[in-house]
């Protein structure tokens, strides 16, 4: 199974590298060399192993991030309850 994480395009470093914002203050350099479509600052994209693989709608990105938040919250609750 592959996992791709939503991120927002924040800055272009070069023709094929951007700075992506994953939220919670986490930013990373990401390659856009595999992107099948053009992107711009503010676009939401899916990142897999350091590569942008597709664009996504902002609503879809926010829903996905909300699901991740719920997963992380449940994991933290589990950690604290098992001690």
C-alpha atoms as a PDB file:
ATOM      1  CA  UNK A   1       0.000   0.000   0.000  1.00  0.00           C
ATOM      2  CA  UNK A   2       1.265   3.463  -0.855  1.00  0.00           C
ATOM      3  CA  UNK A   3       0.745   6.498   1.304  1.00  0.00           C
ATOM      4  CA  UNK A   4       0.566  10.058   0.007  1.00  0.00           C
ATOM      5  CA  UNK A   5       0.242  13.102   2.252  1.00  0.00           C
ATOM      6  CA  UNK A   6      -1.416  16.404   1.292  1.00  0.00           C
ATOM      7  CA  UNK A   7       0.727  19.532   1.366  1.00  0.00           C
ATOM      8  CA  UNK A   8       0.428  23.072   0.103  1.00  0.00           C
ATOM      9  CA  UNK A   9       2.897  24.636  -2.329  1.00  0.00           C
ATOM     10  CA  UNK A  10       4.628  27.535  -0.543  1.00  0.00           C
ATOM     11  CA  UNK A  11       7.699  28.431  -2.624  1.00  0.00           C
ATOM     12  CA  UNK A  12       9.543  27.435  -5.782  1.00  0.00           C
ATOM     13  CA  UNK A  13      13.233  26.615  -5.230  1.00  0.00           C
ATOM     14  CA  UNK A  14      13.946  25.660  -8.854  1.00  0.00           C
ATOM     15  CA  UNK A  15      12.081  24.397 -11.910  1.00  0.00           C
ATOM     16  CA  UNK A  16      11.504  21.018 -10.282  1.00  0.00           C
ATOM     17  CA  UNK A  17      11.806  21.607  -6.507  1.00  0.00           C
ATOM     18  CA  UNK A  18       9.379  23.374  -4.197  1.00  0.00           C
ATOM     19  CA  UNK A  19       8.900  24.003  -0.513  1.00  0.00           C
ATOM     20  CA  UNK A  20       5.731  22.220   0.623  1.00  0.00           C
ATOM     21  CA  UNK A  21       3.854  22.952   3.843  1.00  0.00           C
ATOM     22  CA  UNK A  22       2.509  19.846   5.592  1.00  0.00           C
ATOM     23  CA  UNK A  23       0.956  21.832   8.439  1.00  0.00           C
ATOM     24  CA  UNK A  24       1.908  22.176  12.106  1.00  0.00           C
ATOM     25  CA  UNK A  25       5.021  24.098  11.047  1.00  0.00           C
ATOM     26  CA  UNK A  26       6.449  21.224   8.989  1.00  0.00           C
ATOM     27  CA  UNK A  27       7.901  22.212   5.614  1.00  0.00           C
ATOM     28  CA  UNK A  28      10.046  20.155   3.274  1.00  0.00           C
ATOM     29  CA  UNK A  29      11.700  20.370  -0.104  1.00  0.00           C
ATOM     30  CA  UNK A  30       9.722  18.271  -2.580  1.00  0.00           C
ATOM     31  CA  UNK A  31      10.443  17.304  -6.173  1.00  0.00           C
ATOM     32  CA  UNK A  32       7.777  18.195  -8.713  1.00  0.00           C
ATOM     33  CA  UNK A  33       9.631  16.407 -11.541  1.00  0.00           C
ATOM     34  CA  UNK A  34       6.899  13.731 -11.724  1.00  0.00           C
ATOM     35  CA  UNK A  35       3.946  16.117 -11.712  1.00  0.00           C
ATOM     36  CA  UNK A  36       1.696  15.560 -14.721  1.00  0.00           C
ATOM     37  CA  UNK A  37       0.235  19.060 -14.427  1.00  0.00           C
ATOM     38  CA  UNK A  38       1.450  22.582 -13.743  1.00  0.00           C
ATOM     39  CA  UNK A  39       1.263  23.853 -10.174  1.00  0.00           C
ATOM     40  CA  UNK A  40       1.440  27.265  -8.554  1.00  0.00           C
ATOM     41  CA  UNK A  41       1.909  28.733  -5.082  1.00  0.00           C
ATOM     42  CA  UNK A  42      -1.082  27.880  -2.900  1.00  0.00           C
ATOM     43  CA  UNK A  43      -2.023  24.678  -4.766  1.00  0.00           C
ATOM     44  CA  UNK A  44      -2.609  21.511  -2.756  1.00  0.00           C
ATOM     45  CA  UNK A  45      -0.682  18.451  -3.887  1.00  0.00           C
ATOM     46  CA  UNK A  46      -0.180  14.860  -2.804  1.00  0.00           C
ATOM     47  CA  UNK A  47       3.360  13.928  -1.774  1.00  0.00           C
ATOM     48  CA  UNK A  48       4.713  10.377  -1.896  1.00  0.00           C
ATOM     49  CA  UNK A  49       8.313   9.652  -0.839  1.00  0.00           C
ATOM     50  CA  UNK A  50       9.423  13.219  -1.502  1.00  0.00           C
ATOM     51  CA  UNK A  51       7.733  13.574  -4.870  1.00  0.00           C
ATOM     52  CA  UNK A  52       4.582  15.486  -5.745  1.00  0.00           C
ATOM     53  CA  UNK A  53       2.372  13.056  -7.637  1.00  0.00           C
ATOM     54  CA  UNK A  54      -0.887  14.957  -8.237  1.00  0.00           C
ATOM     55  CA  UNK A  55      -2.908  18.062  -7.470  1.00  0.00           C
ATOM     56  CA  UNK A  56      -5.947  17.929  -5.238  1.00  0.00           C
ATOM     57  CA  UNK A  57      -8.841  20.201  -4.410  1.00  0.00           C
ATOM     58  CA  UNK A  58      -8.434  22.290  -1.230  1.00  0.00           C
ATOM     59  CA  UNK A  59     -11.571  20.759   0.318  1.00  0.00           C
ATOM     60  CA  UNK A  60     -10.263  17.239  -0.251  1.00  0.00           C
ATOM     61  CA  UNK A  61      -6.877  18.164   1.232  1.00  0.00           C
ATOM     62  CA  UNK A  62      -8.496  19.644   4.339  1.00  0.00           C
ATOM     63  CA  UNK A  63     -10.714  16.576   4.810  1.00  0.00           C
ATOM     64  CA  UNK A  64      -7.699  14.282   4.498  1.00  0.00           C
ATOM     65  CA  UNK A  65      -5.684  16.342   6.981  1.00  0.00           C
ATOM     66  CA  UNK A  66      -8.621  16.292   9.406  1.00  0.00           C
ATOM     67  CA  UNK A  67      -8.666  12.489   9.212  1.00  0.00           C
ATOM     68  CA  UNK A  68      -4.918  12.398   9.939  1.00  0.00           C
ATOM     69  CA  UNK A  69      -5.494  14.680  12.933  1.00  0.00           C
ATOM     70  CA  UNK A  70      -8.077  12.236  14.277  1.00  0.00           C
ATOM     71  CA  UNK A  71      -5.702   9.294  13.804  1.00  0.00           C
ATOM     72  CA  UNK A  72      -2.878  11.130  15.612  1.00  0.00           C
ATOM     73  CA  UNK A  73      -5.242  12.123  18.422  1.00  0.00           C
ATOM     74  CA  UNK A  74      -6.398   8.520  18.887  1.00  0.00           C
ATOM     75  CA  UNK A  75      -2.795   7.302  18.916  1.00  0.00           C
ATOM     76  CA  UNK A  76      -1.864   9.823  21.595  1.00  0.00           C
ATOM     77  CA  UNK A  77      -4.874   8.822  23.680  1.00  0.00           C
ATOM     78  CA  UNK A  78      -3.895   5.179  23.337  1.00  0.00           C
ATOM     79  CA  UNK A  79      -0.315   5.941  24.436  1.00  0.00           C
ATOM     80  CA  UNK A  80      -1.438   7.797  27.540  1.00  0.00           C
ATOM     81  CA  UNK A  81      -4.007   5.159  28.510  1.00  0.00           C
ATOM     82  CA  UNK A  82      -1.533   2.263  28.242  1.00  0.00           C
ATOM     83  CA  UNK A  83       1.100   4.238  30.030  1.00  0.00           C
END
